[in-house]
C-alpha cells in the first residue's frame, strides 16, 4: 500500500512539473512576441519632412480629401502608410510605394476599387 501511495505521489509530482514547464515555455514565447522590435506599435516611425508632404498630398488626392490623422514609414503593405480621416468620420489607410504611387487602400471608407 505504501508503494502505491509513493507511485501516485511521484506521478502527481511529475504531472505538476510537466504542467509547470509547459506554462513557463508558453509564457516565454509570449514574451518573445512582445520583445522590442517585435511590437508593431513600438517600431512605427511617422513620415517626416518633405516625404510627409508628398505622401499626404498623394493620399488625400486618392481618397478625395480629408485630414491626415496618422502616418508610418515601413508599413507592411507599402513603403508609406497615410491614415486619412474623411469628413464623415470614416478612416482609410492609403498605402504608397517609395515614389508615392498608391498601392491600395483599406479601412472604413475604402470602396471596391480600393479608394
PDB file of N, CA and C in Angstrom:
ATOM      1  N   UNK A   1       0.818  -1.184   0.000  1.00  0.00           N
ATOM      2  CA  UNK A   1       0.000   0.000   0.000  1.00  0.00           C
ATOM      3  C   UNK A   1       0.863   1.250   0.000  1.00  0.00           C
ATOM      4  N   UNK A   2       1.971   1.249   0.747  1.00  0.00           N
ATOM      5  CA  UNK A   2       2.871   2.387   0.817  1.00  0.00           C
ATOM      6  C   UNK A   2       3.516   2.625  -0.538  1.00  0.00           C
ATOM      7  N   UNK A   3       3.836   1.535  -1.269  1.00  0.00           N
ATOM      8  CA  UNK A   3       4.434   1.679  -2.596  1.00  0.00           C
ATOM      9  C   UNK A   3       3.445   2.325  -3.575  1.00  0.00           C
ATOM     10  N   UNK A   4       2.174   1.961  -3.441  1.00  0.00           N
ATOM     11  CA  UNK A   4       1.152   2.522  -4.317  1.00  0.00           C
ATOM     12  C   UNK A   4       1.007   4.027  -4.065  1.00  0.00           C
ATOM     13  N   UNK A   5       1.063   4.450  -2.782  1.00  0.00           N
ATOM     14  CA  UNK A   5       0.974   5.867  -2.446  1.00  0.00           C
ATOM     15  C   UNK A   5       2.191   6.626  -2.977  1.00  0.00           C
ATOM     16  N   UNK A   6       3.368   6.012  -2.884  1.00  0.00           N
ATOM     17  CA  UNK A   6       4.581   6.643  -3.394  1.00  0.00           C
ATOM     18  C   UNK A   6       4.492   6.796  -4.915  1.00  0.00           C
ATOM     19  N   UNK A   7       3.962   5.792  -5.594  1.00  0.00           N
ATOM     20  CA  UNK A   7       3.818   5.822  -7.044  1.00  0.00           C
ATOM     21  C   UNK A   7       2.837   6.933  -7.461  1.00  0.00           C
ATOM     22  N   UNK A   8       1.733   7.043  -6.747  1.00  0.00           N
ATOM     23  CA  UNK A   8       0.750   8.087  -7.043  1.00  0.00           C
ATOM     24  C   UNK A   8       1.355   9.464  -6.776  1.00  0.00           C
ATOM     25  N   UNK A   9       2.084   9.605  -5.678  1.00  0.00           N
ATOM     26  CA  UNK A   9       2.721  10.876  -5.347  1.00  0.00           C
ATOM     27  C   UNK A   9       3.759  11.252  -6.400  1.00  0.00           C
ATOM     28  N   UNK A  10       4.535  10.283  -6.853  1.00  0.00           N
ATOM     29  CA  UNK A  10       5.545  10.539  -7.876  1.00  0.00           C
ATOM     30  C   UNK A  10       4.886  10.944  -9.195  1.00  0.00           C
ATOM     31  N   UNK A  11       3.799  10.278  -9.555  1.00  0.00           N
ATOM     32  CA  UNK A  11       3.080  10.616 -10.788  1.00  0.00           C
ATOM     33  C   UNK A  11       2.496  12.019 -10.704  1.00  0.00           C
ATOM     34  N   UNK A  12       1.949  12.367  -9.544  1.00  0.00           N
ATOM     35  CA  UNK A  12       1.383  13.701  -9.363  1.00  0.00           C
ATOM     36  C   UNK A  12       2.480  14.760  -9.439  1.00  0.00           C
ATOM     37  N   UNK A  13       3.624  14.483  -8.856  1.00  0.00           N
ATOM     38  CA  UNK A  13       4.752  15.419  -8.908  1.00  0.00           C
ATOM     39  C   UNK A  13       5.228  15.598 -10.344  1.00  0.00           C
ATOM     40  N   UNK A  14       5.348  14.488 -11.072  1.00  0.00           N
ATOM     41  CA  UNK A  14       5.778  14.555 -12.470  1.00  0.00           C
ATOM     42  C   UNK A  14       4.786  15.356 -13.305  1.00  0.00           C
ATOM     43  N   UNK A  15       3.507  15.143 -13.083  1.00  0.00           N
ATOM     44  CA  UNK A  15       2.476  15.876 -13.822  1.00  0.00           C
ATOM     45  C   UNK A  15       2.562  17.369 -13.520  1.00  0.00           C
ATOM     46  N   UNK A  16       2.776  17.710 -12.272  1.00  0.00           N
ATOM     47  CA  UNK A  16       2.887  19.112 -11.884  1.00  0.00           C
ATOM     48  C   UNK A  16       4.113  19.758 -12.524  1.00  0.00           C
ATOM     49  N   UNK A  17       5.208  19.042 -12.585  1.00  0.00           N
ATOM     50  CA  UNK A  17       6.424  19.566 -13.223  1.00  0.00           C
ATOM     51  C   UNK A  17       6.217  19.786 -14.717  1.00  0.00           C
ATOM     52  N   UNK A  18       5.585  18.821 -15.382  1.00  0.00           N
ATOM     53  CA  UNK A  18       5.327  18.953 -16.815  1.00  0.00           C
ATOM     54  C   UNK A  18       4.418  20.148 -17.072  1.00  0.00           C
ATOM     55  N   UNK A  19       3.386  20.285 -16.271  1.00  0.00           N
ATOM     56  CA  UNK A  19       2.475  21.409 -16.422  1.00  0.00           C
ATOM     57  C   UNK A  19       3.201  22.729 -16.176  1.00  0.00           C
ATOM     58  N   UNK A  20       4.022  22.778 -15.161  1.00  0.00           N
ATOM     59  CA  UNK A  20       4.774  23.994 -14.842  1.00  0.00           C
ATOM     60  C   UNK A  20       5.754  24.359 -15.943  1.00  0.00           C
ATOM     61  N   UNK A  21       6.459  23.385 -16.478  1.00  0.00           N
ATOM     62  CA  UNK A  21       7.405  23.636 -17.568  1.00  0.00           C
ATOM     63  C   UNK A  21       6.648  24.118 -18.805  1.00  0.00           C
ATOM     64  N   UNK A  22       5.539  23.480 -19.107  1.00  0.00           N
ATOM     65  CA  UNK A  22       4.732  23.893 -20.260  1.00  0.00           C
ATOM     66  C   UNK A  22       4.242  25.318 -20.130  1.00  0.00           C
ATOM     67  N   UNK A  23       3.824  25.688 -18.935  1.00  0.00           N
ATOM     68  CA  UNK A  23       3.358  27.050 -18.688  1.00  0.00           C
ATOM     69  C   UNK A  23       4.507  28.046 -18.835  1.00  0.00           C
ATOM     70  N   UNK A  24       5.667  27.687 -18.322  1.00  0.00           N
ATOM     71  CA  UNK A  24       6.837  28.571 -18.428  1.00  0.00           C
ATOM     72  C   UNK A  24       7.253  28.760 -19.880  1.00  0.00           C
ATOM     73  N   UNK A  25       7.224  27.694 -20.672  1.00  0.00           N
ATOM     74  CA  UNK A  25       7.580  27.788 -22.088  1.00  0.00           C
ATOM     75  C   UNK A  25       6.573  28.679 -22.813  1.00  0.00           C
ATOM     76  N   UNK A  26       5.304  28.502 -22.555  1.00  0.00           N
ATOM     77  CA  UNK A  26       4.270  29.318 -23.197  1.00  0.00           C
ATOM     78  C   UNK A  26       4.439  30.792 -22.811  1.00  0.00           C
ATOM     79  N   UNK A  27       4.743  31.061 -21.566  1.00  0.00           N
ATOM     80  CA  UNK A  27       4.940  32.441 -21.118  1.00  0.00           C
ATOM     81  C   UNK A  27       6.162  33.050 -21.798  1.00  0.00           C
ATOM     82  N   UNK A  28       7.218  32.285 -21.937  1.00  0.00           N
ATOM     83  CA  UNK A  28       8.429  32.783 -22.596  1.00  0.00           C
ATOM     84  C   UNK A  28       8.149  33.110 -24.053  1.00  0.00           C
ATOM     85  N   UNK A  29       7.391  32.271 -24.735  1.00  0.00           N
ATOM     86  CA  UNK A  29       7.056  32.538 -26.127  1.00  0.00           C
ATOM     87  C   UNK A  29       6.233  33.807 -26.242  1.00  0.00           C
ATOM     88  N   UNK A  30       5.344  34.026 -25.317  1.00  0.00           N
ATOM     89  CA  UNK A  30       4.557  35.254 -25.319  1.00  0.00           C
ATOM     90  C   UNK A  30       5.432  36.480 -25.118  1.00  0.00           C
ATOM     91  N   UNK A  31       6.446  36.369 -24.271  1.00  0.00           N
ATOM     92  CA  UNK A  31       7.358  37.486 -24.039  1.00  0.00           C
ATOM     93  C   UNK A  31       8.210  37.756 -25.265  1.00  0.00           C
ATOM     94  N   UNK A  32       8.592  36.734 -26.007  1.00  0.00           N
ATOM     95  CA  UNK A  32       9.383  36.929 -27.211  1.00  0.00           C
ATOM     96  C   UNK A  32       8.587  37.702 -28.245  1.00  0.00           C
ATOM     97  N   UNK A  33       7.280  37.432 -28.341  1.00  0.00           N
ATOM     98  CA  UNK A  33       6.440  38.154 -29.289  1.00  0.00           C
ATOM     99  C   UNK A  33       6.320  39.620 -28.914  1.00  0.00           C
ATOM    100  N   UNK A  34       6.497  39.938 -27.630  1.00  0.00           N
ATOM    101  CA  UNK A  34       6.366  41.309 -27.161  1.00  0.00           C
ATOM    102  C   UNK A  34       7.719  41.985 -26.992  1.00  0.00           C
ATOM    103  N   UNK A  35       8.788  41.327 -27.429  1.00  0.00           N
ATOM    104  CA  UNK A  35      10.118  41.878 -27.278  1.00  0.00           C
ATOM    105  C   UNK A  35      10.268  43.138 -28.127  1.00  0.00           C
ATOM    106  N   UNK A  36      11.168  44.049 -27.729  1.00  0.00           N
ATOM    107  CA  UNK A  36      11.389  45.255 -28.534  1.00  0.00           C
ATOM    108  C   UNK A  36      11.718  44.874 -29.975  1.00  0.00           C
ATOM    109  N   UNK A  37      11.149  45.628 -30.885  1.00  0.00           N
ATOM    110  CA  UNK A  37      11.365  45.342 -32.290  1.00  0.00           C
ATOM    111  C   UNK A  37      10.348  44.374 -32.862  1.00  0.00           C
ATOM    112  N   UNK A  38       9.573  43.729 -32.011  1.00  0.00           N
ATOM    113  CA  UNK A  38       8.562  42.785 -32.466  1.00  0.00           C
ATOM    114  C   UNK A  38       7.168  43.374 -32.348  1.00  0.00           C
ATOM    115  N   UNK A  39       7.016  44.410 -31.559  1.00  0.00           N
ATOM    116  CA  UNK A  39       5.719  45.053 -31.355  1.00  0.00           C
ATOM    117  C   UNK A  39       5.549  46.116 -32.427  1.00  0.00           C
ATOM    118  N   UNK A  40       4.528  45.965 -33.283  1.00  0.00           N
ATOM    119  CA  UNK A  40       4.321  46.890 -34.378  1.00  0.00           C
ATOM    120  C   UNK A  40       4.231  48.329 -33.903  1.00  0.00           C
ATOM    121  N   UNK A  41       3.504  48.588 -32.812  1.00  0.00           N
ATOM    122  CA  UNK A  41       3.344  49.952 -32.332  1.00  0.00           C
ATOM    123  C   UNK A  41       4.665  50.547 -31.875  1.00  0.00           C
ATOM    124  N   UNK A  42       5.535  49.735 -31.319  1.00  0.00           N
ATOM    125  CA  UNK A  42       6.805  50.228 -30.805  1.00  0.00           C
ATOM    126  C   UNK A  42       7.775  50.571 -31.922  1.00  0.00           C
ATOM    127  N   UNK A  43       7.612  49.969 -33.093  1.00  0.00           N
ATOM    128  CA  UNK A  43       8.554  50.189 -34.176  1.00  0.00           C
ATOM    129  C   UNK A  43       8.026  51.139 -35.243  1.00  0.00           C
ATOM    130  N   UNK A  44       6.801  51.620 -35.111  1.00  0.00           N
ATOM    131  CA  UNK A  44       6.244  52.529 -36.100  1.00  0.00           C
ATOM    132  C   UNK A  44       6.999  53.849 -36.075  1.00  0.00           C
ATOM    133  N   UNK A  45       7.358  54.305 -37.271  1.00  0.00           N
ATOM    134  CA  UNK A  45       8.019  55.600 -37.399  1.00  0.00           C
ATOM    135  C   UNK A  45       7.135  56.491 -38.263  1.00  0.00           C
ATOM    136  N   UNK A  46       6.812  57.678 -37.811  1.00  0.00           N
ATOM    137  CA  UNK A  46       5.995  58.579 -38.627  1.00  0.00           C
ATOM    138  C   UNK A  46       6.800  59.112 -39.808  1.00  0.00           C
ATOM    139  N   UNK A  47       6.106  59.468 -40.861  1.00  0.00           N
ATOM    140  CA  UNK A  47       6.734  60.117 -42.005  1.00  0.00           C
ATOM    141  C   UNK A  47       7.024  61.561 -41.603  1.00  0.00           C
ATOM    142  N   UNK A  48       8.172  62.078 -41.979  1.00  0.00           N
ATOM    143  CA  UNK A  48       8.545  63.450 -41.629  1.00  0.00           C
ATOM    144  C   UNK A  48       9.083  64.185 -42.847  1.00  0.00           C
ATOM    145  N   UNK A  49       9.171  65.495 -42.725  1.00  0.00           N
ATOM    146  CA  UNK A  49       9.796  66.328 -43.744  1.00  0.00           C
ATOM    147  C   UNK A  49       9.071  66.324 -45.078  1.00  0.00           C
ATOM    148  N   UNK A  50       9.847  66.470 -46.134  1.00  0.00           N
ATOM    149  CA  UNK A  50       9.306  66.516 -47.490  1.00  0.00           C
ATOM    150  C   UNK A  50       8.519  65.251 -47.858  1.00  0.00           C
ATOM    151  N   UNK A  51       8.985  64.055 -47.462  1.00  0.00           N
ATOM    152  CA  UNK A  51       8.183  62.863 -47.754  1.00  0.00           C
ATOM    153  C   UNK A  51       6.786  62.911 -47.137  1.00  0.00           C
ATOM    154  N   UNK A  52       6.653  63.539 -45.963  1.00  0.00           N
ATOM    155  CA  UNK A  52       5.336  63.678 -45.339  1.00  0.00           C
ATOM    156  C   UNK A  52       4.415  64.508 -46.222  1.00  0.00           C
ATOM    157  N   UNK A  53       4.940  65.598 -46.743  1.00  0.00           N
ATOM    158  CA  UNK A  53       4.136  66.454 -47.625  1.00  0.00           C
ATOM    159  C   UNK A  53       3.714  65.700 -48.883  1.00  0.00           C
ATOM    160  N   UNK A  54       4.646  64.982 -49.498  1.00  0.00           N
ATOM    161  CA  UNK A  54       4.346  64.264 -50.735  1.00  0.00           C
ATOM    162  C   UNK A  54       3.369  63.111 -50.496  1.00  0.00           C
ATOM    163  N   UNK A  55       3.582  62.355 -49.426  1.00  0.00           N
ATOM    164  CA  UNK A  55       2.704  61.223 -49.122  1.00  0.00           C
ATOM    165  C   UNK A  55       1.299  61.714 -48.780  1.00  0.00           C
ATOM    166  N   UNK A  56       1.213  62.785 -48.018  1.00  0.00           N
ATOM    167  CA  UNK A  56      -0.093  63.339 -47.649  1.00  0.00           C
ATOM    168  C   UNK A  56      -0.846  63.818 -48.885  1.00  0.00           C
ATOM    169  N   UNK A  57      -0.142  64.520 -49.756  1.00  0.00           N
ATOM    170  CA  UNK A  57      -0.766  65.031 -50.982  1.00  0.00           C
ATOM    171  C   UNK A  57      -1.292  63.885 -51.838  1.00  0.00           C
ATOM    172  N   UNK A  58      -0.491  62.841 -52.014  1.00  0.00           N
ATOM    173  CA  UNK A  58      -0.906  61.694 -52.834  1.00  0.00           C
ATOM    174  C   UNK A  58      -2.099  60.976 -52.211  1.00  0.00           C
ATOM    175  N   UNK A  59      -2.071  60.781 -50.901  1.00  0.00           N
ATOM    176  CA  UNK A  59      -3.160  60.062 -50.223  1.00  0.00           C
ATOM    177  C   UNK A  59      -4.462  60.849 -50.272  1.00  0.00           C
ATOM    178  N   UNK A  60      -4.381  62.128 -49.980  1.00  0.00           N
ATOM    179  CA  UNK A  60      -5.590  62.960 -49.986  1.00  0.00           C
ATOM    180  C   UNK A  60      -6.189  63.056 -51.388  1.00  0.00           C
ATOM    181  N   UNK A  61      -5.344  63.154 -52.401  1.00  0.00           N
ATOM    182  CA  UNK A  61      -5.839  63.193 -53.779  1.00  0.00           C
ATOM    183  C   UNK A  61      -6.516  61.874 -54.139  1.00  0.00           C
ATOM    184  N   UNK A  62      -5.958  60.779 -53.662  1.00  0.00           N
ATOM    185  CA  UNK A  62      -6.510  59.464 -53.999  1.00  0.00           C
ATOM    186  C   UNK A  62      -7.885  59.226 -53.383  1.00  0.00           C
ATOM    187  N   UNK A  63      -8.080  59.661 -52.146  1.00  0.00           N
ATOM    188  CA  UNK A  63      -9.357  59.403 -51.469  1.00  0.00           C
ATOM    189  C   UNK A  63     -10.337  60.567 -51.575  1.00  0.00           C
ATOM    190  N   UNK A  64      -9.919  61.636 -52.231  1.00  0.00           N
ATOM    191  CA  UNK A  64     -10.843  62.742 -52.431  1.00  0.00           C
ATOM    192  C   UNK A  64     -10.930  63.717 -51.277  1.00  0.00           C
ATOM    193  N   UNK A  65      -9.869  63.843 -50.513  1.00  0.00           N
ATOM    194  CA  UNK A  65      -9.834  64.821 -49.436  1.00  0.00           C
ATOM    195  C   UNK A  65      -9.976  64.211 -48.059  1.00  0.00           C
ATOM    196  N   UNK A  66      -9.919  65.063 -47.073  1.00  0.00           N
ATOM    197  CA  UNK A  66      -9.979  64.639 -45.681  1.00  0.00           C
ATOM    198  C   UNK A  66      -8.830  65.252 -44.914  1.00  0.00           C
ATOM    199  N   UNK A  67      -8.485  64.632 -43.811  1.00  0.00           N
ATOM    200  CA  UNK A  67      -7.393  65.121 -42.971  1.00  0.00           C
ATOM    201  C   UNK A  67      -6.458  63.965 -42.646  1.00  0.00           C
ATOM    202  N   UNK A  68      -5.167  64.184 -42.782  1.00  0.00           N
ATOM    203  CA  UNK A  68      -4.188  63.156 -42.431  1.00  0.00           C
ATOM    204  C   UNK A  68      -4.170  63.022 -40.911  1.00  0.00           C
ATOM    205  N   UNK A  69      -4.473  61.812 -40.428  1.00  0.00           N
ATOM    206  CA  UNK A  69      -4.546  61.594 -38.984  1.00  0.00           C
ATOM    207  C   UNK A  69      -3.462  60.664 -38.463  1.00  0.00           C
ATOM    208  N   UNK A  70      -2.614  60.160 -39.354  1.00  0.00           N
ATOM    209  CA  UNK A  70      -1.508  59.315 -38.935  1.00  0.00           C
ATOM    210  C   UNK A  70      -0.677  58.910 -40.135  1.00  0.00           C
ATOM    211  N   UNK A  71       0.599  58.642 -39.891  1.00  0.00           N
ATOM    212  CA  UNK A  71       1.491  58.198 -40.964  1.00  0.00           C
ATOM    213  C   UNK A  71       2.461  57.162 -40.420  1.00  0.00           C
ATOM    214  N   UNK A  72       3.041  56.395 -41.346  1.00  0.00           N
ATOM    215  CA  UNK A  72       4.018  55.383 -40.944  1.00  0.00           C
ATOM    216  C   UNK A  72       4.962  55.107 -42.110  1.00  0.00           C
ATOM    217  N   UNK A  73       6.248  55.018 -41.791  1.00  0.00           N
ATOM    218  CA  UNK A  73       7.263  54.592 -42.758  1.00  0.00           C
ATOM    219  C   UNK A  73       7.512  53.113 -42.539  1.00  0.00           C
ATOM    220  N   UNK A  74       7.653  52.360 -43.615  1.00  0.00           N
ATOM    221  CA  UNK A  74       7.963  50.940 -43.493  1.00  0.00           C
ATOM    222  C   UNK A  74       6.755  50.094 -43.185  1.00  0.00           C
ATOM    223  N   UNK A  75       5.611  50.500 -43.656  1.00  0.00           N
ATOM    224  CA  UNK A  75       4.377  49.736 -43.466  1.00  0.00           C
ATOM    225  C   UNK A  75       4.478  48.401 -44.192  1.00  0.00           C
ATOM    226  N   UNK A  76       3.817  47.368 -43.678  1.00  0.00           N
ATOM    227  CA  UNK A  76       3.895  46.032 -44.291  1.00  0.00           C
ATOM    228  C   UNK A  76       3.219  45.962 -45.657  1.00  0.00           C
ATOM    229  N   UNK A  77       2.298  46.868 -45.959  1.00  0.00           N
ATOM    230  CA  UNK A  77       1.614  46.857 -47.255  1.00  0.00           C
ATOM    231  C   UNK A  77       2.258  47.793 -48.269  1.00  0.00           C
ATOM    232  N   UNK A  78       3.208  48.572 -47.867  1.00  0.00           N
ATOM    233  CA  UNK A  78       3.880  49.508 -48.759  1.00  0.00           C
ATOM    234  C   UNK A  78       4.979  50.223 -48.015  1.00  0.00           C
ATOM    235  N   UNK A  79       5.670  51.102 -48.707  1.00  0.00           N
ATOM    236  CA  UNK A  79       6.750  51.818 -48.039  1.00  0.00           C
ATOM    237  C   UNK A  79       6.205  52.872 -47.076  1.00  0.00           C
ATOM    238  N   UNK A  80       5.123  53.546 -47.494  1.00  0.00           N
ATOM    239  CA  UNK A  80       4.480  54.540 -46.642  1.00  0.00           C
ATOM    240  C   UNK A  80       3.018  54.156 -46.409  1.00  0.00           C
ATOM    241  N   UNK A  81       2.504  54.547 -45.254  1.00  0.00           N
ATOM    242  CA  UNK A  81       1.075  54.433 -44.980  1.00  0.00           C
ATOM    243  C   UNK A  81       0.599  55.777 -44.463  1.00  0.00           C
ATOM    244  N   UNK A  82      -0.491  56.258 -45.047  1.00  0.00           N
ATOM    245  CA  UNK A  82      -1.093  57.514 -44.600  1.00  0.00           C
ATOM    246  C   UNK A  82      -2.525  57.202 -44.190  1.00  0.00           C
ATOM    247  N   UNK A  83      -2.857  57.512 -42.951  1.00  0.00           N
ATOM    248  CA  UNK A  83      -4.229  57.340 -42.467  1.00  0.00           C
ATOM    249  C   UNK A  83      -4.964  58.651 -42.682  1.00  0.00           C
ATOM    250  N   UNK A  84      -6.078  58.561 -43.421  1.00  0.00           N
ATOM    251  CA  UNK A  84      -6.880  59.740 -43.723  1.00  0.00           C
ATOM    252  C   UNK A  84      -8.229  59.606 -43.036  1.00  0.00           C
ATOM    253  N   UNK A  85      -8.634  60.661 -42.318  1.00  0.00           N
ATOM    254  CA  UNK A  85      -9.964  60.721 -41.732  1.00  0.00           C
ATOM    255  C   UNK A  85     -10.803  61.625 -42.624  1.00  0.00           C
ATOM    256  N   UNK A  86     -11.869  61.052 -43.158  1.00  0.00           N
ATOM    257  CA  UNK A  86     -12.751  61.801 -44.052  1.00  0.00           C
ATOM    258  C   UNK A  86     -13.731  62.659 -43.248  1.00  0.00           C
ATOM    259  N   UNK A  87     -14.423  63.556 -43.932  1.00  0.00           N
ATOM    260  CA  UNK A  87     -15.371  64.471 -43.287  1.00  0.00           C
ATOM    261  C   UNK A  87     -16.478  63.717 -42.559  1.00  0.00           C
ATOM    262  N   UNK A  88     -16.841  62.516 -43.069  1.00  0.00           N
ATOM    263  CA  UNK A  88     -17.909  61.739 -42.424  1.00  0.00           C
ATOM    264  C   UNK A  88     -17.411  60.916 -41.238  1.00  0.00           C
ATOM    265  N   UNK A  89     -16.111  61.048 -40.908  1.00  0.00           N
ATOM    266  CA  UNK A  89     -15.537  60.339 -39.770  1.00  0.00           C
ATOM    267  C   UNK A  89     -14.922  58.992 -40.107  1.00  0.00           C
ATOM    268  N   UNK A  90     -15.133  58.512 -41.321  1.00  0.00           N
ATOM    269  CA  UNK A  90     -14.538  57.231 -41.707  1.00  0.00           C
ATOM    270  C   UNK A  90     -13.032  57.403 -41.880  1.00  0.00           C
ATOM    271  N   UNK A  91     -12.313  56.316 -41.680  1.00  0.00           N
ATOM    272  CA  UNK A  91     -10.861  56.356 -41.813  1.00  0.00           C
ATOM    273  C   UNK A  91     -10.414  55.379 -42.888  1.00  0.00           C
ATOM    274  N   UNK A  92      -9.431  55.806 -43.665  1.00  0.00           N
ATOM    275  CA  UNK A  92      -8.891  54.997 -44.742  1.00  0.00           C
ATOM    276  C   UNK A  92      -7.373  55.034 -44.637  1.00  0.00           C
ATOM    277  N   UNK A  93      -6.752  53.860 -44.722  1.00  0.00           N
ATOM    278  CA  UNK A  93      -5.299  53.776 -44.789  1.00  0.00           C
ATOM    279  C   UNK A  93      -4.910  53.682 -46.254  1.00  0.00           C
ATOM    280  N   UNK A  94      -4.050  54.595 -46.698  1.00  0.00           N
ATOM    281  CA  UNK A  94      -3.572  54.604 -48.075  1.00  0.00           C
ATOM    282  C   UNK A  94      -2.124  54.131 -48.053  1.00  0.00           C
ATOM    283  N   UNK A  95      -1.845  53.084 -48.823  1.00  0.00           N
ATOM    284  CA  UNK A  95      -0.502  52.500 -48.875  1.00  0.00           C
ATOM    285  C   UNK A  95       0.194  52.984 -50.143  1.00  0.00           C
ATOM    286  N   UNK A  96       1.408  53.483 -49.957  1.00  0.00           N
ATOM    287  CA  UNK A  96       2.173  54.073 -51.060  1.00  0.00           C
ATOM    288  C   UNK A  96       3.530  53.395 -51.192  1.00  0.00           C
ATOM    289  N   UNK A  97       4.087  53.411 -52.414  1.00  0.00           N
ATOM    290  CA  UNK A  97       5.449  52.921 -52.582  1.00  0.00           C
ATOM    291  C   UNK A  97       6.430  54.077 -52.350  1.00  0.00           C
ATOM    292  N   UNK A  98       7.716  53.839 -52.567  1.00  0.00           N
ATOM    293  CA  UNK A  98       8.740  54.867 -52.319  1.00  0.00           C
ATOM    294  C   UNK A  98       8.573  56.095 -53.208  1.00  0.00           C
ATOM    295  N   UNK A  99       7.928  55.906 -54.364  1.00  0.00           N
ATOM    296  CA  UNK A  99       7.728  57.007 -55.302  1.00  0.00           C
ATOM    297  C   UNK A  99       6.390  57.713 -55.081  1.00  0.00           C
ATOM    298  N   UNK A 100       5.706  57.390 -53.988  1.00  0.00           N
ATOM    299  CA  UNK A 100       4.424  57.984 -53.597  1.00  0.00           C
ATOM    300  C   UNK A 100       3.283  57.592 -54.539  1.00  0.00           C
ATOM    301  N   UNK A 101       3.432  56.459 -55.218  1.00  0.00           N
ATOM    302  CA  UNK A 101       2.351  55.899 -56.031  1.00  0.00           C
ATOM    303  C   UNK A 101       1.458  55.065 -55.117  1.00  0.00           C
ATOM    304  N   UNK A 102       0.150  55.168 -55.288  1.00  0.00           N
ATOM    305  CA  UNK A 102      -0.795  54.436 -54.449  1.00  0.00           C
ATOM    306  C   UNK A 102      -0.767  52.957 -54.806  1.00  0.00           C
ATOM    307  N   UNK A 103      -0.578  52.132 -53.788  1.00  0.00           N
ATOM    308  CA  UNK A 103      -0.598  50.679 -53.957  1.00  0.00           C
ATOM    309  C   UNK A 103      -1.971  50.107 -53.626  1.00  0.00           C
ATOM    310  N   UNK A 104      -2.685  50.750 -52.723  1.00  0.00           N
ATOM    311  CA  UNK A 104      -4.010  50.282 -52.320  1.00  0.00           C
ATOM    312  C   UNK A 104      -4.482  51.014 -51.087  1.00  0.00           C
ATOM    313  N   UNK A 105      -5.718  50.734 -50.714  1.00  0.00           N
ATOM    314  CA  UNK A 105      -6.314  51.349 -49.527  1.00  0.00           C
ATOM    315  C   UNK A 105      -7.067  50.281 -48.741  1.00  0.00           C
ATOM    316  N   UNK A 106      -7.288  50.578 -47.471  1.00  0.00           N
ATOM    317  CA  UNK A 106      -8.121  49.711 -46.640  1.00  0.00           C
ATOM    318  C   UNK A 106      -8.689  50.549 -45.516  1.00  0.00           C
ATOM    319  N   UNK A 107      -9.829  50.097 -45.004  1.00  0.00           N
ATOM    320  CA  UNK A 107     -10.423  50.786 -43.866  1.00  0.00           C
ATOM    321  C   UNK A 107     -11.887  51.065 -44.050  1.00  0.00           C
ATOM    322  N   UNK A 108     -12.416  51.883 -43.134  1.00  0.00           N
ATOM    323  CA  UNK A 108     -13.846  52.197 -43.073  1.00  0.00           C
ATOM    324  C   UNK A 108     -14.418  52.687 -44.389  1.00  0.00           C
ATOM    325  N   UNK A 109     -13.729  53.622 -45.011  1.00  0.00           N
ATOM    326  CA  UNK A 109     -14.291  54.281 -46.174  1.00  0.00           C
ATOM    327  C   UNK A 109     -13.760  53.778 -47.495  1.00  0.00           C
ATOM    328  N   UNK A 110     -13.018  52.685 -47.521  1.00  0.00           N
ATOM    329  CA  UNK A 110     -12.454  52.185 -48.768  1.00  0.00           C
ATOM    330  C   UNK A 110     -13.581  51.609 -49.626  1.00  0.00           C
ATOM    331  N   UNK A 111     -13.524  51.897 -50.912  1.00  0.00           N
ATOM    332  CA  UNK A 111     -14.527  51.365 -51.839  1.00  0.00           C
ATOM    333  C   UNK A 111     -13.978  50.133 -52.530  1.00  0.00           C
ATOM    334  N   UNK A 112     -14.801  49.506 -53.353  1.00  0.00           N
ATOM    335  CA  UNK A 112     -14.396  48.265 -54.010  1.00  0.00           C
ATOM    336  C   UNK A 112     -13.167  48.451 -54.888  1.00  0.00           C
ATOM    337  N   UNK A 113     -12.984  49.614 -55.505  1.00  0.00           N
ATOM    338  CA  UNK A 113     -11.828  49.818 -56.367  1.00  0.00           C
ATOM    339  C   UNK A 113     -10.582  50.166 -55.565  1.00  0.00           C
ATOM    340  N   UNK A 114     -10.696  50.130 -54.233  1.00  0.00           N
ATOM    341  CA  UNK A 114      -9.542  50.363 -53.372  1.00  0.00           C
ATOM    342  C   UNK A 114      -9.372  51.795 -52.939  1.00  0.00           C
ATOM    343  N   UNK A 115     -10.239  52.703 -53.340  1.00  0.00           N
ATOM    344  CA  UNK A 115     -10.083  54.092 -52.917  1.00  0.00           C
ATOM    345  C   UNK A 115     -11.022  54.440 -51.795  1.00  0.00           C
TER     346      UNK A 115
END
